[in-house]
C-alpha atoms as a PDB file:
ATOM      1  CA  MET A   1      89.619 144.082  97.682  1.00  0.00           C
ATOM      2  CA  GLY A   2      87.202 144.127  94.655  1.00  0.00           C
ATOM      3  CA  ALA A   3      83.850 145.021  94.554  1.00  0.00           C
ATOM      4  CA  ARG A   4      82.363 141.685  95.084  1.00  0.00           C
ATOM      5  CA  ALA A   5      84.130 141.125  98.115  1.00  0.00           C
ATOM      6  CA  THR A   6      83.169 144.414  99.206  1.00  0.00           C
ATOM      7  CA  GLY A   7      79.477 143.464  99.028  1.00  0.00           C
ATOM      8  CA  LEU A   8      80.239 140.128 100.546  1.00  0.00           C
ATOM      9  CA  ALA A   9      81.953 141.356 103.779  1.00  0.00           C
ATOM     10  CA  TYR A  10      85.466 140.407 102.738  1.00  0.00           C
ATOM     11  CA  ALA A  11      84.480 136.631 103.264  1.00  0.00           C
ATOM     12  CA  CYS A  12      86.817 135.794 100.307  1.00  0.00           C
ATOM     13  CA  SER A  13      88.226 132.750 101.956  1.00  0.00           C
ATOM     14  CA  SER A  14      86.102 129.882 100.507  1.00  0.00           C
ATOM     15  CA  THR A  15      85.456 132.793  96.832  1.00  0.00           C
ATOM     16  CA  ALA A  16      87.457 132.465  93.697  1.00  0.00           C
ATOM     17  CA  ASP A  17      87.284 135.543  91.235  1.00  0.00           C
ATOM     18  CA  GLU A  18      89.629 137.955  88.787  1.00  0.00           C
ATOM     19  CA  TRP A  19      90.482 139.218  92.637  1.00  0.00           C
ATOM     20  CA  SER A  20      91.872 136.197  94.389  1.00  0.00           C
ATOM     21  CA  LEU A  21      95.846 137.040  93.956  1.00  0.00           C
ATOM     22  CA  LEU A  22      94.692 140.094  96.484  1.00  0.00           C
ATOM     23  CA  ASN A  23      92.124 138.026  98.608  1.00  0.00           C
ATOM     24  CA  ASN A  24      92.684 134.305  98.691  1.00  0.00           C
ATOM     25  CA  VAL A  25      95.420 133.348  96.330  1.00  0.00           C
ATOM     26  CA  GLY A  26      94.325 129.783  96.787  1.00  0.00           C
ATOM     27  CA  GLY A  27      91.461 130.682  94.302  1.00  0.00           C
ATOM     28  CA  LEU A  28      93.802 131.883  91.273  1.00  0.00           C
ATOM     29  CA  ALA A  29      94.080 128.202  89.666  1.00  0.00           C
ATOM     30  CA  GLN A  30      90.477 128.676  89.462  1.00  0.00           C
ATOM     31  CA  ILE A  31      90.888 131.583  86.907  1.00  0.00           C
ATOM     32  CA  LYS A  32      90.911 130.003  83.373  1.00  0.00           C
ATOM     33  CA  LYS A  33      90.687 133.008  81.198  1.00  0.00           C
ATOM     34  CA  LEU A  34      93.221 136.038  80.895  1.00  0.00           C
ATOM     35  CA  SER A  35      91.848 138.977  82.602  1.00  0.00           C
ATOM     36  CA  THR A  36      92.720 142.041  83.946  1.00  0.00           C
ATOM     37  CA  ALA A  37      90.657 144.251  86.790  1.00  0.00           C
ATOM     38  CA  PHE A  38      90.657 147.181  88.962  1.00  0.00           C
ATOM     39  CA  ALA A  39      88.896 148.739  91.478  1.00  0.00           C
ATOM     40  CA  TYR A  40      89.093 152.148  93.412  1.00  0.00           C
ATOM     41  CA  GLU A  41      87.465 152.871  96.643  1.00  0.00           C
ATOM     42  CA  ILE A  42      86.445 155.895  98.184  1.00  0.00           C
ATOM     43  CA  SER A  43      86.036 156.878 102.189  1.00  0.00           C
ATOM     44  CA  ALA A  44      83.678 160.099 102.788  1.00  0.00           C
ATOM     45  CA  ALA A  45      84.730 160.616 106.421  1.00  0.00           C
ATOM     46  CA  LEU A  46      88.363 159.775 105.943  1.00  0.00           C
ATOM     47  CA  PRO A  47      89.462 161.423 102.157  1.00  0.00           C
ATOM     48  CA  GLY A  48      93.472 159.677 103.263  1.00  0.00           C
ATOM     49  CA  ALA A  49      92.341 156.400 103.367  1.00  0.00           C
ATOM     50  CA  ASN A  50      90.890 155.749  99.706  1.00  0.00           C
ATOM     51  CA  ARG A  51      92.278 152.443  98.102  1.00  0.00           C
ATOM     52  CA  ILE A  52      93.137 151.730  94.653  1.00  0.00           C
ATOM     53  CA  ALA A  53      94.188 147.927  92.859  1.00  0.00           C
ATOM     54  CA  ALA A  54      94.855 146.568  89.535  1.00  0.00           C
ATOM     55  CA  VAL A  55      95.528 143.121  89.002  1.00  0.00           C
ATOM     56  CA  ILE A  56      96.505 140.737  85.948  1.00  0.00           C
ATOM     57  CA  ASN A  57      95.259 137.261  85.634  1.00  0.00           C
ATOM     58  CA  ALA A  58      97.322 134.842  83.123  1.00  0.00           C
ATOM     59  CA  PRO A  59      96.462 130.980  83.110  1.00  0.00           C
ATOM     60  CA  VAL A  60      99.469 128.723  82.371  1.00  0.00           C
ATOM     61  CA  LYS A  61      98.637 125.843  79.999  1.00  0.00           C
ATOM     62  CA  ASN A  62      98.894 122.497  82.082  1.00  0.00           C
ATOM     63  CA  ILE A  63     100.311 124.300  84.684  1.00  0.00           C
ATOM     64  CA  GLY A  64      97.649 126.986  87.025  1.00  0.00           C
ATOM     65  CA  THR A  65      97.045 130.347  86.750  1.00  0.00           C
ATOM     66  CA  ALA A  66      99.926 133.551  87.768  1.00  0.00           C
ATOM     67  CA  GLY A  67      98.772 137.003  88.469  1.00  0.00           C
ATOM     68  CA  VAL A  68     100.393 140.408  89.358  1.00  0.00           C
ATOM     69  CA  GLY A  69      98.973 143.078  91.231  1.00  0.00           C
ATOM     70  CA  PHE A  70      99.261 146.510  92.584  1.00  0.00           C
ATOM     71  CA  PHE A  71      98.004 148.096  95.472  1.00  0.00           C
ATOM     72  CA  ARG A  72      97.699 151.388  97.359  1.00  0.00           C
ATOM     73  CA  PHE A  73      96.014 153.200 100.096  1.00  0.00           C
ATOM     74  CA  GLY A  74      96.578 156.838 101.682  1.00  0.00           C
ATOM     75  CA  ASP A  75      97.628 159.924 100.275  1.00  0.00           C
ATOM     76  CA  ASP A  76     100.520 162.601 100.143  1.00  0.00           C
ATOM     77  CA  LEU A  77     100.557 162.517 104.076  1.00  0.00           C
ATOM     78  CA  TYR A  78     101.205 158.654 104.675  1.00  0.00           C
ATOM     79  CA  HIS A  79     100.440 155.945 101.961  1.00  0.00           C
ATOM     80  CA  GLU A  80     101.285 152.107 101.278  1.00  0.00           C
ATOM     81  CA  HIS A  81     102.108 150.966  98.396  1.00  0.00           C
ATOM     82  CA  VAL A  82     102.244 147.062  97.406  1.00  0.00           C
ATOM     83  CA  ILE A  83     103.844 145.246  94.238  1.00  0.00           C
ATOM     84  CA  SER A  84     102.380 141.320  94.310  1.00  0.00           C
ATOM     85  CA  SER A  85     103.010 138.499  92.168  1.00  0.00           C
ATOM     86  CA  GLY A  86     101.491 135.203  92.929  1.00  0.00           C
ATOM     87  CA  PHE A  87     100.929 131.463  91.049  1.00  0.00           C
ATOM     88  CA  SER A  88      98.287 128.834  91.920  1.00  0.00           C
ATOM     89  CA  ASN A  89      97.688 124.999  90.908  1.00  0.00           C
ATOM     90  CA  GLN A  90      94.747 122.676  91.059  1.00  0.00           C
ATOM     91  CA  ILE A  91      95.838 119.405  92.871  1.00  0.00           C
ATOM     92  CA  GLY A  92      92.872 117.232  92.609  1.00  0.00           C
ATOM     93  CA  ILE A  93      89.515 119.016  94.493  1.00  0.00           C
ATOM     94  CA  THR A  94      92.640 121.442  96.253  1.00  0.00           C
ATOM     95  CA  SER A  95      93.736 124.436  94.730  1.00  0.00           C
ATOM     96  CA  LEU A  96      96.841 126.001  96.373  1.00  0.00           C
ATOM     97  CA  GLY A  97      98.464 129.301  95.888  1.00  0.00           C
ATOM     98  CA  ILE A  98     101.362 131.426  97.140  1.00  0.00           C
ATOM     99  CA  ARG A  99     101.932 135.100  96.532  1.00  0.00           C
ATOM    100  CA  VAL A 100     105.140 137.660  97.232  1.00  0.00           C
ATOM    101  CA  ASN A 101     104.502 140.650  97.863  1.00  0.00           C
ATOM    102  CA  TYR A 102     107.029 143.822  98.339  1.00  0.00           C
ATOM    103  CA  ILE A 103     105.394 146.667 100.933  1.00  0.00           C
ATOM    104  CA  GLN A 104     106.533 149.891 100.821  1.00  0.00           C
ATOM    105  CA  TYR A 105     105.302 152.459 103.760  1.00  0.00           C
ATOM    106  CA  ARG A 106     106.066 156.132 103.393  1.00  0.00           C
ATOM    107  CA  ALA A 107     104.808 158.632 105.961  1.00  0.00           C
ATOM    108  CA  GLN A 108     105.556 162.744 105.521  1.00  0.00           C
ATOM    109  CA  GLY A 109     108.749 163.256 107.870  1.00  0.00           C
ATOM    110  CA  PHE A 110     109.383 159.761 108.733  1.00  0.00           C
ATOM    111  CA  GLY A 111     111.105 158.523 105.299  1.00  0.00           C
ATOM    112  CA  THR A 112     110.020 155.099 104.234  1.00  0.00           C
ATOM    113  CA  LYS A 113     110.614 151.806 104.964  1.00  0.00           C
ATOM    114  CA  SER A 114     109.779 148.636 102.929  1.00  0.00           C
ATOM    115  CA  ALA A 115     109.775 144.511 103.736  1.00  0.00           C
ATOM    116  CA  TRP A 116     108.836 141.509 101.369  1.00  0.00           C
ATOM    117  CA  SER A 117     106.499 139.588 102.605  1.00  0.00           C
ATOM    118  CA  ILE A 118     104.834 135.997 101.622  1.00  0.00           C
ATOM    119  CA  HIS A 119     100.964 134.928 101.784  1.00  0.00           C
ATOM    120  CA  PHE A 120      99.456 131.243 101.033  1.00  0.00           C
ATOM    121  CA  GLY A 121      96.279 130.149 100.995  1.00  0.00           C
ATOM    122  CA  GLY A 122      93.792 127.308  99.574  1.00  0.00           C
ATOM    123  CA  ILE A 123      90.742 126.149  98.440  1.00  0.00           C
ATOM    124  CA  THR A 124      89.138 122.904  98.833  1.00  0.00           C
ATOM    125  CA  GLN A 125      85.440 121.992  96.850  1.00  0.00           C
ATOM    126  CA  LEU A 126      84.648 119.101  99.231  1.00  0.00           C
ATOM    127  CA  THR A 127      81.162 118.651  97.311  1.00  0.00           C
ATOM    128  CA  SER A 128      79.286 120.395  94.647  1.00  0.00           C
ATOM    129  CA  LYS A 129      77.233 122.616  97.382  1.00  0.00           C
ATOM    130  CA  LEU A 130      80.032 122.869  99.583  1.00  0.00           C
ATOM    131  CA  ILE A 131      83.795 124.476  99.661  1.00  0.00           C
ATOM    132  CA  VAL A 132      86.087 125.555 102.404  1.00  0.00           C
ATOM    133  CA  GLY A 133      88.937 127.818 102.314  1.00  0.00           C
ATOM    134  CA  ALA A 134      91.997 129.614 104.181  1.00  0.00           C
ATOM    135  CA  TYR A 135      94.853 131.554 103.783  1.00  0.00           C
ATOM    136  CA  ILE A 136      97.861 133.097 105.617  1.00  0.00           C
ATOM    137  CA  THR A 137      98.943 136.477 105.382  1.00  0.00           C
ATOM    138  CA  ASN A 138     102.321 137.788 105.924  1.00  0.00           C
ATOM    139  CA  LEU A 139     103.416 134.050 106.688  1.00  0.00           C
ATOM    140  CA  ASN A 140     107.283 135.230 107.463  1.00  0.00           C
ATOM    141  CA  GLN A 141     106.212 138.494 109.211  1.00  0.00           C
ATOM    142  CA  PRO A 142     108.974 140.438 108.005  1.00  0.00           C
ATOM    143  CA  ARG A 143     110.639 143.157 110.069  1.00  0.00           C
ATOM    144  CA  ILE A 144     109.997 146.738 108.855  1.00  0.00           C
ATOM    145  CA  SER A 145     111.857 148.955 111.251  1.00  0.00           C
ATOM    146  CA  GLN A 146     115.391 147.105 113.069  1.00  0.00           C
ATOM    147  CA  GLN A 147     115.402 149.838 115.561  1.00  0.00           C
ATOM    148  CA  ASP A 148     111.966 149.006 117.749  1.00  0.00           C
ATOM    149  CA  HIS A 149     111.941 145.604 116.027  1.00  0.00           C
ATOM    150  CA  GLU A 150     108.235 146.380 114.525  1.00  0.00           C
ATOM    151  CA  ARG A 151     106.997 143.475 111.962  1.00  0.00           C
ATOM    152  CA  VAL A 152     104.371 143.237 109.643  1.00  0.00           C
ATOM    153  CA  PRO A 153     101.288 141.125 112.323  1.00  0.00           C
ATOM    154  CA  ALA A 154     100.461 137.597 110.465  1.00  0.00           C
ATOM    155  CA  SER A 155      96.472 136.645 110.226  1.00  0.00           C
ATOM    156  CA  LEU A 156      94.758 133.638 109.458  1.00  0.00           C
ATOM    157  CA  THR A 157      91.510 133.582 107.929  1.00  0.00           C
ATOM    158  CA  ALA A 158      89.035 130.045 107.452  1.00  0.00           C
ATOM    159  CA  GLY A 159      85.346 130.314 105.748  1.00  0.00           C
ATOM    160  CA  ILE A 160      83.392 127.994 104.432  1.00  0.00           C
ATOM    161  CA  GLY A 161      81.390 128.487 101.445  1.00  0.00           C
ATOM    162  CA  PHE A 162      77.538 126.519 100.865  1.00  0.00           C
ATOM    163  CA  ARG A 163      75.560 126.437  97.838  1.00  0.00           C
ATOM    164  CA  PRO A 164      72.073 125.139  98.809  1.00  0.00           C
ATOM    165  CA  THR A 165      71.040 126.241  95.163  1.00  0.00           C
ATOM    166  CA  ASP A 166      72.294 127.288  91.979  1.00  0.00           C
ATOM    167  CA  LYS A 167      71.264 130.888  92.925  1.00  0.00           C
ATOM    168  CA  VAL A 168      72.526 130.932  96.417  1.00  0.00           C
ATOM    169  CA  VAL A 169      75.732 130.982  97.889  1.00  0.00           C
ATOM    170  CA  LEU A 170      76.335 131.235 101.758  1.00  0.00           C
ATOM    171  CA  LEU A 171      79.696 132.175 103.161  1.00  0.00           C
ATOM    172  CA  ALA A 172      80.935 132.427 107.101  1.00  0.00           C
ATOM    173  CA  GLU A 173      84.420 133.253 107.923  1.00  0.00           C
ATOM    174  CA  VAL A 174      86.501 133.836 110.914  1.00  0.00           C
ATOM    175  CA  ARG A 175      89.244 136.129 110.646  1.00  0.00           C
ATOM    176  CA  LYS A 176      92.661 136.136 113.602  1.00  0.00           C
ATOM    177  CA  GLN A 177      95.345 138.173 113.875  1.00  0.00           C
ATOM    178  CA  LEU A 178      98.258 138.290 116.585  1.00  0.00           C
ATOM    179  CA  GLU A 179      97.347 139.996 119.173  1.00  0.00           C
ATOM    180  CA  GLN A 180      94.008 141.359 117.892  1.00  0.00           C
ATOM    181  CA  ASP A 181      90.233 140.159 118.829  1.00  0.00           C
ATOM    182  CA  ALA A 182      88.702 137.289 115.672  1.00  0.00           C
ATOM    183  CA  THR A 183      86.527 138.917 113.367  1.00  0.00           C
ATOM    184  CA  LEU A 184      83.479 136.835 112.014  1.00  0.00           C
ATOM    185  CA  LYS A 185      81.636 137.081 108.978  1.00  0.00           C
ATOM    186  CA  GLY A 186      78.627 136.327 107.193  1.00  0.00           C
ATOM    187  CA  ALA A 187      77.610 136.991 103.768  1.00  0.00           C
ATOM    188  CA  LEU A 188      75.037 136.085 100.727  1.00  0.00           C
ATOM    189  CA  GLU A 189      75.339 136.240  97.205  1.00  0.00           C
ATOM    190  CA  TYR A 190      71.849 135.950  95.201  1.00  0.00           C
ATOM    191  CA  THR A 191      71.640 135.629  91.505  1.00  0.00           C
ATOM    192  CA  LEU A 192      68.862 137.416  90.247  1.00  0.00           C
ATOM    193  CA  HIS A 193      69.393 137.261  86.757  1.00  0.00           C
ATOM    194  CA  LYS A 194      71.778 134.937  85.120  1.00  0.00           C
ATOM    195  CA  LYS A 195      73.749 138.065  84.718  1.00  0.00           C
ATOM    196  CA  VAL A 196      72.921 140.465  87.830  1.00  0.00           C
ATOM    197  CA  PHE A 197      73.869 139.229  91.391  1.00  0.00           C
ATOM    198  CA  PHE A 198      72.851 141.101  94.800  1.00  0.00           C
ATOM    199  CA  ARG A 199      75.042 140.613  97.683  1.00  0.00           C
ATOM    200  CA  THR A 200      74.510 141.497 101.330  1.00  0.00           C
ATOM    201  CA  GLY A 201      76.891 140.850 104.586  1.00  0.00           C
ATOM    202  CA  PHE A 202      78.277 141.881 108.340  1.00  0.00           C
ATOM    203  CA  SER A 203      80.880 141.676 110.132  1.00  0.00           C
ATOM    204  CA  LEU A 204      81.141 141.188 113.991  1.00  0.00           C
ATOM    205  CA  GLN A 205      84.716 142.863 115.771  1.00  0.00           C
ATOM    206  CA  PRO A 206      84.294 145.437 113.771  1.00  0.00           C
ATOM    207  CA  TYR A 207      80.729 146.008 113.446  1.00  0.00           C
ATOM    208  CA  ALA A 208      80.173 146.830 110.136  1.00  0.00           C
ATOM    209  CA  GLY A 209      77.611 146.000 107.310  1.00  0.00           C
ATOM    210  CA  PHE A 210      77.611 145.392 103.694  1.00  0.00           C
ATOM    211  CA  PHE A 211      75.797 145.314 100.246  1.00  0.00           C
ATOM    212  CA  GLY A 212      76.580 144.876  96.780  1.00  0.00           C
ATOM    213  CA  LEU A 213      75.764 144.588  93.198  1.00  0.00           C
ATOM    214  CA  GLY A 214      77.197 142.782  90.051  1.00  0.00           C
ATOM    215  CA  PHE A 215      76.674 142.921  86.371  1.00  0.00           C
ATOM    216  CA  LEU A 216      77.910 140.905  83.396  1.00  0.00           C
ATOM    217  CA  VAL A 217      77.819 142.313  80.035  1.00  0.00           C
ATOM    218  CA  LYS A 218      79.977 140.100  77.649  1.00  0.00           C
ATOM    219  CA  GLN A 219      83.430 139.808  78.660  1.00  0.00           C
ATOM    220  CA  LEU A 220      82.984 143.179  81.304  1.00  0.00           C
ATOM    221  CA  LYS A 221      82.256 142.421  84.735  1.00  0.00           C
ATOM    222  CA  ILE A 222      81.139 145.543  86.731  1.00  0.00           C
ATOM    223  CA  ASP A 223      80.445 145.512  90.234  1.00  0.00           C
ATOM    224  CA  GLN A 224      79.883 148.425  93.158  1.00  0.00           C
ATOM    225  CA  GLY A 225      80.004 147.403  96.886  1.00  0.00           C
ATOM    226  CA  LEU A 226      79.105 149.584 100.123  1.00  0.00           C
ATOM    227  CA  GLN A 227      80.699 149.295 103.731  1.00  0.00           C
ATOM    228  CA  TYR A 228      78.797 150.678 106.650  1.00  0.00           C
ATOM    229  CA  ASN A 229      80.432 151.122 110.070  1.00  0.00           C
ATOM    230  CA  HIS A 230      79.476 153.496 113.004  1.00  0.00           C
ATOM    231  CA  VAL A 231      82.545 155.033 113.300  1.00  0.00           C
ATOM    232  CA  ILE A 232      83.907 155.741 109.930  1.00  0.00           C
ATOM    233  CA  GLY A 233      80.632 156.053 107.935  1.00  0.00           C
ATOM    234  CA  LEU A 234      79.826 155.068 104.209  1.00  0.00           C
ATOM    235  CA  ILE A 235      82.827 153.255 102.079  1.00  0.00           C
ATOM    236  CA  HIS A 236      82.061 152.670  98.512  1.00  0.00           C
ATOM    237  CA  GLN A 237      84.009 150.628  96.148  1.00  0.00           C
ATOM    238  CA  ALA A 238      83.490 150.398  92.241  1.00  0.00           C
ATOM    239  CA  SER A 239      85.552 147.489  90.240  1.00  0.00           C
ATOM    240  CA  ALA A 240      85.423 146.310  86.470  1.00  0.00           C
ATOM    241  CA  ILE A 241      87.041 143.061  85.595  1.00  0.00           C
ATOM    242  CA  TYR A 242      87.992 142.743  81.411  1.00  0.00           C
ATOM    243  CA  LEU A 243      87.675 138.722  80.513  1.00  0.00           C
ATOM    244  CA  ILE A 244      90.566 138.427  77.798  1.00  0.00           C
ATOM    245  CA  ASN A 245      89.387 136.187  75.100  1.00  0.00           C
ATOM    246  CA  LYS A 246      92.255 134.907  72.430  1.00  0.00           C
ATOM    247  CA  ARG A 247      91.979 135.137  68.539  1.00  0.00           C
ATOM    248  CA  LYS A 248      92.141 131.973  67.052  1.00  0.00           C
ATOM    249  CA  LYS A 249      94.814 131.235  64.951  1.00  0.00           C
ATOM    250  CA  SER A 250      92.632 131.003  62.020  1.00  0.00           C
ATOM    251  CA  GLU A 251      91.388 134.652  63.386  1.00  0.00           C
ATOM    252  CA  ARG A 252      94.739 136.086  62.844  1.00  0.00           C
END
């Protein structure tokens, strides 16, 4: 989640920002300020597929960074709720993180099902210009139906980030879910100004194009992201991040 991720075709395995808890939790360790974030996504063609999410990130001195988050997908007929908590720590050039989720599915007339799942991820800074990252979702493949042995599918995502200049970031990623074709992604982020960012990207299987803009206003980060797919049309996501500066003891 997060509109920055939308603009980058969700190629998030090698990026770290305030939405890392809900993307690659390994990047959470690189968040050094207390922060909160909120995102809302709307699909014009599928009003029942809107998504909403919120996170809070809190650095823990000399240990790492912890985060809690909430995600909702769907409408009154069918919806999914996910409550997540995660922790990430920096070890040398690598940051590793783990996320635990409580997932609830509800379909009108079919009742409610729930499960616990585990995600694991990491990011390594190989050089000043090269970053690699990977994460696994639903590592434990929790069972959500005892009757037909239905499980939440696991997926593996791996990617690379390259920064040829201070203003340009290039991303490439592959995602593989069990019993599905691999999804390939590519993205670019360009710093137009130190407080203005342009993003674009694409994905193959499914085919989609992405575009986004980001703005930094003091302690507030505002992002807009668009996704276009010929089947479901245009999807828009907006998100905001607020960086909470702790007051010094002398200011209290």
